[in-house]
Amino acid sequence: MRRQLRRALIATAVLLALGSGLFLAFRQRPVLVETEQVVRGRFEAVVEEDGRTRVRDRYVVSAPVAGRVLRLGARAGDAVAHGDLLAEILAAPSALLSPRARREAEERVGAAEAMLQQAGILVERAAAQQAQAAADATRVRALHARGAAPLQQLERAELTERTAARDMLAAERRRHAAEHELDQARALLASVDAAEEGGPERREVRAPVAGRVLRVLQESEAVVATGTPLLELGDPAELEVVVDVLTMEAVGITPGAPVVFDRWGGPAPLEGRVRLVEPGAFTRVSALGVEEQRVWVVIDLVSPRERWVTLGDGFRVDARITVEAAEDAVLVPVSALFRRGAGWAAFVVADGVARERRVEVARRAARSAMISTGLVPGETVVVFPPTALADGTRVSSAR
């Protein structure tokens, strides 16, 4: 009896060992995958593009009359005041003695007077807008101090106030430029009169506005025609940044959107605010030969001037424009998402098994996506899921 029982136990043990071996031999091996955790944090959808700085108001000083321009003494970077002498031109007598020269000089005086009148109207409008923006900002500050206005409303009001102040400064400079143009036109007409009377023909070209010389376009003494650009003036302290972005990305950019400038050469990033998305687009051919529709986005620098004092006109910057931001959002890498029908899905790892789950994506960025339903923080998802991965597949994390 004992011998039979022993044989039965041995046979059972052999069968169990054989069954276990067969189970282990034919058991599905885990698929090696990469995983990441679902987290809760700040979501930002940004547009990243290269940009360049430019002086906000640039003035091109041109030759008011044909003749020989004497060598310019101004150099790039020189500071000039309004009315400073920039160049002298020895007007060609033949250019001043023709009836056409008098007619053109008189027409130029009339056009300059009209420009000055229009510039005065723009100054009055800018002054009214500045006063209104200052009053609105003061009112919003008081409401925010009492907790009746959100921070975003205060930031928009302060941005409008700063923009109105800059617009007022630009309008005043345009008026100065219009006054200078009128002076030049009247001087040209006086030169025509002097030439007819046999008087001197030396013309002085003076600075229309205060600022700095950005570029000298005609350094050497030479014969020039009427309207030949001589140099460019501007104020490097009044810089803005222009970025060209794809039109499909520009539709999500609104005035007041925050911007961060990286890799501009300084030790820390700079901050800015979108002032304008230009209404007209243009076509540009990419490096791959593909035609792209792009549009210019104009951005104001809001960081203190002391932090970017070394920036000049035409400098390159990397811009990150925030299109949308949300706090306390459920975030998942975009590499964990894949299409399933008309929606999105992800593989969630639980107890070593990958389970396919439908998710609802609220917003996607370059690296992460904001999930509205389907995932909770702390869960583990498969990133870059292999094509062979299916619901119920055993997986092993490579991390």
Protein backbone atom coordinates (compact mmCIF):
# COMPACT_ATOMS: atom_id res chain seq x y z
CA MET A 1 0.00 0.00 0.00
CA ARG A 2 2.78 2.38 0.87
CA ARG A 3 4.61 1.46 -2.30
CA GLN A 4 1.56 2.26 -4.41
CA LEU A 5 1.07 5.59 -2.62
CA ARG A 6 4.71 6.46 -3.15
CA ARG A 7 4.44 5.68 -6.84
CA ALA A 8 1.32 7.83 -7.12
CA LEU A 9 3.05 10.76 -5.42
CA ILE A 10 6.09 10.42 -7.67
CA ALA A 11 3.89 10.26 -10.76
CA THR A 12 1.96 13.33 -9.62
CA ALA A 13 5.18 15.24 -8.98
CA VAL A 14 6.50 14.29 -12.41
CA LEU A 15 3.27 15.41 -14.07
CA LEU A 16 3.30 18.69 -12.16
CA ALA A 17 6.92 19.34 -13.10
CA LEU A 18 6.20 18.47 -16.72
CA GLY A 19 3.14 20.74 -16.75
CA SER A 20 5.04 23.60 -15.18
CA GLY A 21 7.81 23.21 -17.73
CA LEU A 22 5.35 23.19 -20.59
CA PHE A 23 3.56 26.26 -19.15
CA LEU A 24 6.81 28.16 -18.79
CA ALA A 25 7.96 27.10 -22.26
CA PHE A 26 4.80 28.18 -24.05
CA ARG A 27 3.96 31.12 -21.82
CA GLN A 28 3.82 34.53 -23.57
CA ARG A 29 7.02 36.45 -23.01
CA PRO A 30 6.60 40.06 -21.82
CA VAL A 31 7.06 42.77 -24.44
CA LEU A 32 9.81 45.23 -23.54
CA VAL A 33 8.35 48.77 -23.60
CA GLU A 34 9.18 52.29 -22.43
CA THR A 35 6.87 53.80 -19.85
CA GLU A 36 6.13 57.19 -18.30
CA GLN A 37 3.88 58.32 -15.48
CA VAL A 38 0.80 60.49 -15.81
CA VAL A 39 1.43 63.65 -13.78
CA ARG A 40 -0.41 66.76 -12.69
CA GLY A 41 1.16 70.14 -13.43
CA ARG A 42 1.20 73.26 -15.57
CA PHE A 43 0.35 72.86 -19.25
CA GLU A 44 1.68 75.27 -21.84
CA ALA A 45 1.06 75.25 -25.58
CA VAL A 46 3.75 77.38 -27.20
CA VAL A 47 4.86 78.44 -30.66
CA GLU A 48 8.64 78.41 -31.03
CA GLU A 49 10.27 80.34 -33.87
CA ASP A 50 13.33 82.44 -34.61
CA GLY A 51 12.90 86.20 -34.51
CA ARG A 52 14.91 89.37 -34.90
CA THR A 53 14.96 92.73 -33.21
CA ARG A 54 14.28 95.98 -35.00
CA VAL A 55 14.09 99.63 -34.06
CA ARG A 56 10.44 100.51 -33.74
CA ASP A 57 10.64 103.84 -35.58
CA ARG A 58 13.27 104.04 -38.30
CA TYR A 59 13.92 107.16 -40.35
CA VAL A 60 15.76 107.16 -43.67
CA VAL A 61 17.43 110.50 -44.37
CA SER A 62 17.56 111.10 -48.13
CA ALA A 63 19.10 113.68 -50.42
CA PRO A 64 16.52 116.45 -50.93
CA VAL A 65 18.06 117.53 -54.23
CA ALA A 66 20.37 116.14 -56.89
CA GLY A 67 24.02 117.17 -56.60
CA ARG A 68 27.33 116.26 -55.01
CA VAL A 69 27.08 115.12 -51.40
CA LEU A 70 30.16 115.89 -49.33
CA ARG A 71 31.72 113.16 -47.22
CA LEU A 72 29.53 112.39 -44.22
CA GLY A 73 31.11 112.78 -40.82
CA ALA A 74 28.52 110.68 -38.99
CA ARG A 75 29.28 107.05 -38.14
CA ALA A 76 27.06 104.16 -37.12
CA GLY A 77 26.28 104.45 -33.41
CA ASP A 78 26.73 108.23 -33.18
CA ALA A 79 24.13 110.05 -31.11
CA VAL A 80 22.34 112.90 -32.87
CA ALA A 81 19.93 115.54 -31.65
CA HIS A 82 16.98 116.95 -33.51
CA GLY A 83 18.26 119.44 -36.06
CA ASP A 84 21.93 118.34 -36.04
CA LEU A 85 23.78 118.75 -39.32
CA LEU A 86 24.18 115.36 -41.02
CA ALA A 87 25.31 116.16 -44.56
CA GLU A 88 25.91 118.93 -47.06
CA ILE A 89 25.02 118.78 -50.74
CA LEU A 90 26.31 121.01 -53.52
CA ALA A 91 23.19 121.14 -55.64
CA ALA A 92 23.60 120.89 -59.39
CA PRO A 93 22.55 124.25 -60.92
CA SER A 94 20.92 122.58 -63.87
CA ALA A 95 18.69 120.61 -61.50
CA LEU A 96 17.49 123.79 -59.80
CA LEU A 97 17.01 126.06 -62.80
CA SER A 98 14.48 123.98 -64.72
CA PRO A 99 10.75 124.86 -64.51
CA ARG A 100 10.15 121.29 -63.45
CA ALA A 101 12.37 121.79 -60.38
CA ARG A 102 10.26 124.72 -59.17
CA ARG A 103 7.02 122.82 -59.75
CA GLU A 104 8.31 119.77 -57.89
CA ALA A 105 9.59 121.93 -55.02
CA GLU A 106 6.23 123.66 -54.64
CA GLU A 107 4.40 120.33 -54.75
CA ARG A 108 6.76 118.93 -52.14
CA VAL A 109 6.03 121.86 -49.83
CA GLY A 110 2.30 121.25 -50.19
CA ALA A 111 2.67 117.52 -49.52
CA ALA A 112 4.87 118.20 -46.48
CA GLU A 113 2.30 120.61 -45.04
CA ALA A 114 -0.41 117.96 -45.45
CA MET A 115 1.81 115.35 -43.76
CA LEU A 116 2.44 117.69 -40.85
CA GLN A 117 -1.28 118.32 -40.43
CA GLN A 118 -1.97 114.58 -40.46
CA ALA A 119 0.85 113.98 -37.96
CA GLY A 120 -0.70 116.54 -35.62
CA ILE A 121 -4.03 114.71 -35.78
CA LEU A 122 -2.27 111.43 -34.97
CA VAL A 123 -0.59 113.04 -31.96
CA GLU A 124 -3.95 114.25 -30.64
CA ARG A 125 -5.46 110.79 -31.12
CA ALA A 126 -2.49 109.09 -29.43
CA ALA A 127 -2.71 111.53 -26.50
CA ALA A 128 -6.41 110.74 -26.02
CA GLN A 129 -5.75 106.99 -26.18
CA GLN A 130 -2.89 107.31 -23.69
CA ALA A 131 -5.07 109.23 -21.24
CA GLN A 132 -7.85 106.66 -21.55
CA ALA A 133 -5.42 103.75 -21.13
CA ALA A 134 -3.89 105.35 -18.03
CA ALA A 135 -7.34 105.89 -16.51
CA ASP A 136 -8.36 102.30 -17.27
CA ALA A 137 -5.15 100.94 -15.75
CA THR A 138 -5.65 103.01 -12.59
CA ARG A 139 -9.22 101.74 -12.25
CA VAL A 140 -8.22 98.09 -12.78
CA ARG A 141 -5.39 98.41 -10.24
CA ALA A 142 -7.89 99.61 -7.64
CA LEU A 143 -10.28 96.76 -8.47
CA HIS A 144 -7.46 94.22 -8.33
CA ALA A 145 -6.34 95.52 -4.94
CA ARG A 146 -9.88 94.85 -3.63
CA GLY A 147 -9.96 91.42 -5.26
CA ALA A 148 -12.63 92.44 -7.77
CA ALA A 149 -10.46 92.07 -10.90
CA PRO A 150 -8.30 89.07 -11.87
CA LEU A 151 -4.57 89.33 -12.46
CA GLN A 152 -4.99 88.71 -16.19
CA GLN A 153 -7.23 91.79 -16.52
CA LEU A 154 -4.65 93.89 -14.68
CA GLU A 155 -1.86 92.63 -16.94
CA ARG A 156 -3.88 93.46 -20.06
CA ALA A 157 -4.66 96.95 -18.76
CA GLU A 158 -1.00 97.63 -17.95
CA LEU A 159 0.06 96.31 -21.36
CA THR A 160 -2.45 98.64 -23.03
CA GLU A 161 -1.10 101.53 -20.97
CA ARG A 162 2.51 100.80 -21.96
CA THR A 163 1.54 100.38 -25.61
CA ALA A 164 -0.38 103.67 -25.60
CA ALA A 165 2.63 105.46 -24.11
CA ARG A 166 4.89 104.08 -26.82
CA ASP A 167 2.35 104.98 -29.50
CA MET A 168 2.31 108.53 -28.15
CA LEU A 169 6.10 108.73 -28.32
CA ALA A 170 6.05 107.35 -31.87
CA ALA A 171 3.38 109.86 -32.92
CA GLU A 172 5.45 112.75 -31.55
CA ARG A 173 8.49 111.53 -33.45
CA ARG A 174 6.46 111.28 -36.64
CA ARG A 175 5.36 114.87 -36.11
CA HIS A 176 9.00 115.92 -35.69
CA ALA A 177 9.85 114.04 -38.88
CA ALA A 178 6.98 115.77 -40.70
CA GLU A 179 8.22 119.15 -39.46
CA HIS A 180 11.69 118.29 -40.72
CA GLU A 181 10.30 117.23 -44.09
CA LEU A 182 8.47 120.55 -44.37
CA ASP A 183 11.67 122.44 -43.50
CA GLN A 184 13.54 120.48 -46.15
CA ALA A 185 10.85 121.15 -48.74
CA ARG A 186 10.87 124.88 -47.98
CA ALA A 187 14.66 124.91 -48.11
CA LEU A 188 14.56 123.21 -51.50
CA LEU A 189 12.17 125.85 -52.79
CA ALA A 190 14.48 128.54 -51.41
CA SER A 191 17.41 126.89 -53.20
CA VAL A 192 15.48 127.07 -56.46
CA ASP A 193 14.91 130.78 -55.86
CA ALA A 194 18.58 131.28 -55.00
CA ALA A 195 19.72 129.42 -58.11
CA GLU A 196 17.49 131.57 -60.29
CA GLU A 197 19.04 134.66 -58.68
CA GLY A 198 22.56 133.25 -58.99
CA GLY A 199 22.91 132.70 -55.24
CA PRO A 200 24.62 129.85 -53.35
CA GLU A 201 23.52 126.28 -53.99
CA ARG A 202 24.84 124.53 -50.85
CA ARG A 203 22.14 122.46 -49.11
CA GLU A 204 22.25 121.27 -45.50
CA VAL A 205 20.64 118.00 -44.45
CA ARG A 206 19.69 117.94 -40.76
CA ALA A 207 18.41 115.23 -38.40
CA PRO A 208 14.61 114.96 -38.37
CA VAL A 209 14.55 113.33 -34.92
CA ALA A 210 16.84 112.64 -32.00
CA GLY A 211 18.38 109.19 -31.79
CA ARG A 212 21.39 107.30 -33.09
CA VAL A 213 22.81 106.60 -36.51
CA LEU A 214 21.90 103.02 -37.36
CA ARG A 215 23.56 102.79 -40.76
CA VAL A 216 25.49 105.11 -43.04
CA LEU A 217 24.35 104.34 -46.58
CA GLN A 218 26.51 106.87 -48.41
CA GLU A 219 29.88 107.38 -46.72
CA SER A 220 32.04 108.82 -49.50
CA GLU A 221 31.62 112.01 -51.48
CA ALA A 222 29.60 111.26 -54.58
CA VAL A 223 27.04 112.59 -57.03
CA VAL A 224 23.55 111.56 -55.92
CA ALA A 225 20.06 111.88 -57.32
CA THR A 226 17.10 113.34 -55.50
CA GLY A 227 15.79 110.88 -52.92
CA THR A 228 19.03 108.86 -52.60
CA PRO A 229 19.18 107.38 -49.05
CA LEU A 230 22.10 108.79 -47.08
CA LEU A 231 21.72 107.23 -43.62
CA GLU A 232 19.23 105.68 -41.20
CA LEU A 233 18.29 107.07 -37.79
CA GLY A 234 16.51 105.42 -34.88
CA ASP A 235 16.49 104.89 -31.14
CA PRO A 236 17.98 101.49 -30.12
CA ALA A 237 16.28 101.85 -26.74
CA GLU A 238 12.92 101.45 -28.52
CA LEU A 239 13.31 97.90 -29.78
CA GLU A 240 10.63 95.42 -30.79
CA VAL A 241 10.88 91.82 -31.96
CA VAL A 242 9.32 90.47 -35.15
CA VAL A 243 8.70 86.74 -35.60
CA ASP A 244 7.26 85.06 -38.66
CA VAL A 245 5.03 82.08 -37.79
CA LEU A 246 2.84 79.72 -39.76
CA THR A 247 -0.67 81.05 -40.27
CA MET A 248 -2.19 77.89 -38.77
CA GLU A 249 -0.28 78.65 -35.55
CA ALA A 250 -0.87 82.40 -35.68
CA VAL A 251 -4.65 82.00 -35.39
CA GLY A 252 -4.15 80.97 -31.75
CA ILE A 253 -1.90 83.94 -30.88
CA THR A 254 -3.64 86.94 -29.34
CA PRO A 255 -2.32 90.41 -28.39
CA GLY A 256 -1.01 90.35 -24.84
CA ALA A 257 0.20 86.74 -25.01
CA PRO A 258 3.39 86.26 -22.94
CA VAL A 259 6.65 85.56 -24.77
CA VAL A 260 10.02 84.28 -23.55
CA PHE A 261 13.21 84.98 -25.51
CA ASP A 262 15.98 82.40 -25.19
CA ARG A 263 19.45 82.12 -26.72
CA TRP A 264 19.75 85.82 -27.44
CA GLY A 265 23.26 86.03 -26.00
CA GLY A 266 22.49 87.19 -22.47
CA PRO A 267 22.73 85.24 -19.20
CA ALA A 268 18.97 84.95 -18.63
CA PRO A 269 15.83 84.79 -20.78
CA LEU A 270 13.93 87.98 -21.59
CA GLU A 271 10.19 88.54 -21.39
CA GLY A 272 7.86 90.12 -23.90
CA ARG A 273 4.22 90.59 -24.85
CA VAL A 274 2.58 90.20 -28.24
CA ARG A 275 1.45 93.59 -29.52
CA LEU A 276 0.20 92.74 -32.98
CA VAL A 277 -0.45 89.84 -35.32
CA GLU A 278 -0.34 91.43 -38.75
CA PRO A 279 -3.53 90.85 -40.77
CA GLY A 280 -1.77 90.00 -44.04
CA ALA A 281 0.23 86.81 -44.67
CA PHE A 282 3.03 86.13 -47.15
CA THR A 283 4.42 83.06 -48.89
CA ARG A 284 7.85 81.71 -48.04
CA VAL A 285 9.62 78.67 -49.46
CA SER A 286 11.10 76.47 -46.74
CA ALA A 287 14.51 74.78 -46.87
CA LEU A 288 12.75 71.66 -48.16
CA GLY A 289 11.22 73.56 -51.05
CA VAL A 290 7.71 73.65 -49.57
CA GLU A 291 5.64 76.82 -49.87
CA GLU A 292 4.45 78.06 -46.47
CA GLN A 293 1.96 80.75 -45.56
CA ARG A 294 3.41 82.86 -42.77
CA VAL A 295 2.53 86.06 -40.94
CA TRP A 296 4.53 88.56 -38.90
CA VAL A 297 3.98 88.75 -35.13
CA VAL A 298 5.21 91.98 -33.47
CA ILE A 299 6.34 91.67 -29.84
CA ASP A 300 7.25 94.33 -27.26
CA LEU A 301 10.09 93.74 -24.81
CA VAL A 302 8.82 94.12 -21.24
CA SER A 303 12.01 93.17 -19.39
CA PRO A 304 13.90 96.16 -17.95
CA ARG A 305 16.12 97.95 -20.44
CA GLU A 306 19.17 97.27 -18.25
CA ARG A 307 18.88 93.54 -19.00
CA TRP A 308 19.03 93.91 -22.78
CA VAL A 309 21.05 97.11 -23.20
CA THR A 310 23.52 95.26 -25.47
CA LEU A 311 20.79 94.25 -27.94
CA GLY A 312 20.75 96.18 -31.18
CA ASP A 313 18.86 96.42 -34.43
CA GLY A 314 18.61 93.17 -36.41
CA PHE A 315 19.80 90.83 -33.62
CA ARG A 316 18.59 87.22 -33.62
CA VAL A 317 16.49 85.78 -30.76
CA ASP A 318 14.57 82.56 -30.13
CA ALA A 319 10.95 83.29 -29.22
CA ARG A 320 8.52 81.05 -27.32
CA ILE A 321 5.00 82.46 -27.58
CA THR A 322 2.49 81.02 -25.10
CA VAL A 323 -0.76 80.24 -26.89
CA GLU A 324 -2.56 78.56 -24.01
CA ALA A 325 -1.71 77.76 -20.38
CA ALA A 326 -3.50 75.83 -17.64
CA GLU A 327 -2.59 75.08 -14.04
CA ASP A 328 -3.23 71.77 -12.27
CA ALA A 329 -3.72 69.87 -15.52
CA VAL A 330 -3.42 66.12 -16.13
CA LEU A 331 -0.40 65.71 -18.38
CA VAL A 332 0.81 62.80 -20.48
CA PRO A 333 3.59 62.60 -23.10
CA VAL A 334 2.22 62.95 -26.64
CA SER A 335 4.30 59.90 -27.56
CA ALA A 336 1.91 57.79 -25.44
CA LEU A 337 -1.12 58.72 -27.55
CA PHE A 338 -2.26 57.06 -30.75
CA ARG A 339 -5.30 57.29 -32.94
CA ARG A 340 -8.18 54.88 -32.42
CA GLY A 341 -10.97 55.66 -34.82
CA ALA A 342 -11.92 59.31 -34.54
CA GLY A 343 -10.47 59.64 -31.04
CA TRP A 344 -7.33 59.01 -29.04
CA ALA A 345 -6.19 56.09 -26.91
CA ALA A 346 -3.26 55.05 -24.72
CA PHE A 347 -1.92 51.84 -23.18
CA VAL A 348 -2.08 51.87 -19.38
CA VAL A 349 0.17 49.39 -17.56
CA ALA A 350 -1.40 47.64 -14.56
CA ASP A 351 0.10 44.52 -12.90
CA GLY A 352 2.44 44.01 -15.82
CA VAL A 353 -0.36 44.00 -18.41
CA ALA A 354 -1.01 46.72 -21.01
CA ARG A 355 -4.65 47.78 -21.21
CA GLU A 356 -5.90 49.98 -24.03
CA ARG A 357 -7.94 52.91 -22.79
CA ARG A 358 -9.80 55.65 -24.65
CA VAL A 359 -8.84 59.17 -23.59
CA GLU A 360 -10.09 62.66 -24.38
CA VAL A 361 -7.36 65.14 -25.29
CA ALA A 362 -8.16 68.73 -24.36
CA ARG A 363 -5.01 70.31 -25.89
CA ARG A 364 -1.76 69.12 -27.39
CA ALA A 365 1.65 70.74 -27.23
CA ALA A 366 4.99 69.72 -28.70
CA ARG A 367 5.91 67.30 -25.91
CA SER A 368 2.89 66.87 -23.64
CA ALA A 369 -0.88 66.71 -23.91
CA MET A 370 -3.57 67.85 -21.49
CA ILE A 371 -6.07 65.07 -20.77
CA SER A 372 -9.63 65.87 -19.76
CA THR A 373 -10.90 62.29 -19.20
CA GLY A 374 -9.47 58.78 -19.33
CA LEU A 375 -6.31 59.02 -17.23
CA VAL A 376 -5.49 59.94 -13.65
CA PRO A 377 -2.18 61.13 -12.17
CA GLY A 378 0.06 58.31 -10.98
CA GLU A 379 -0.90 55.83 -13.69
CA THR A 380 1.79 54.39 -15.95
CA VAL A 381 1.45 54.60 -19.73
CA VAL A 382 3.45 53.12 -22.58
CA VAL A 383 5.33 55.65 -24.70
CA PHE A 384 6.16 54.90 -28.31
CA PRO A 385 3.99 51.74 -28.23
CA PRO A 386 5.21 49.08 -30.69
CA THR A 387 2.85 47.97 -33.45
CA ALA A 388 2.67 44.45 -32.00
CA LEU A 389 1.33 45.71 -28.67
CA ALA A 390 -2.33 44.87 -28.08
CA ASP A 391 -4.83 45.04 -25.26
CA GLY A 392 -3.95 42.43 -22.62
CA THR A 393 -0.32 41.98 -23.67
CA ARG A 394 2.13 41.34 -20.86
CA VAL A 395 4.80 44.02 -20.80
CA SER A 396 8.05 44.74 -19.04
CA SER A 397 9.33 48.26 -18.55
CA ALA A 398 12.71 49.09 -20.03
CA ARG A 399 13.23 51.92 -17.53
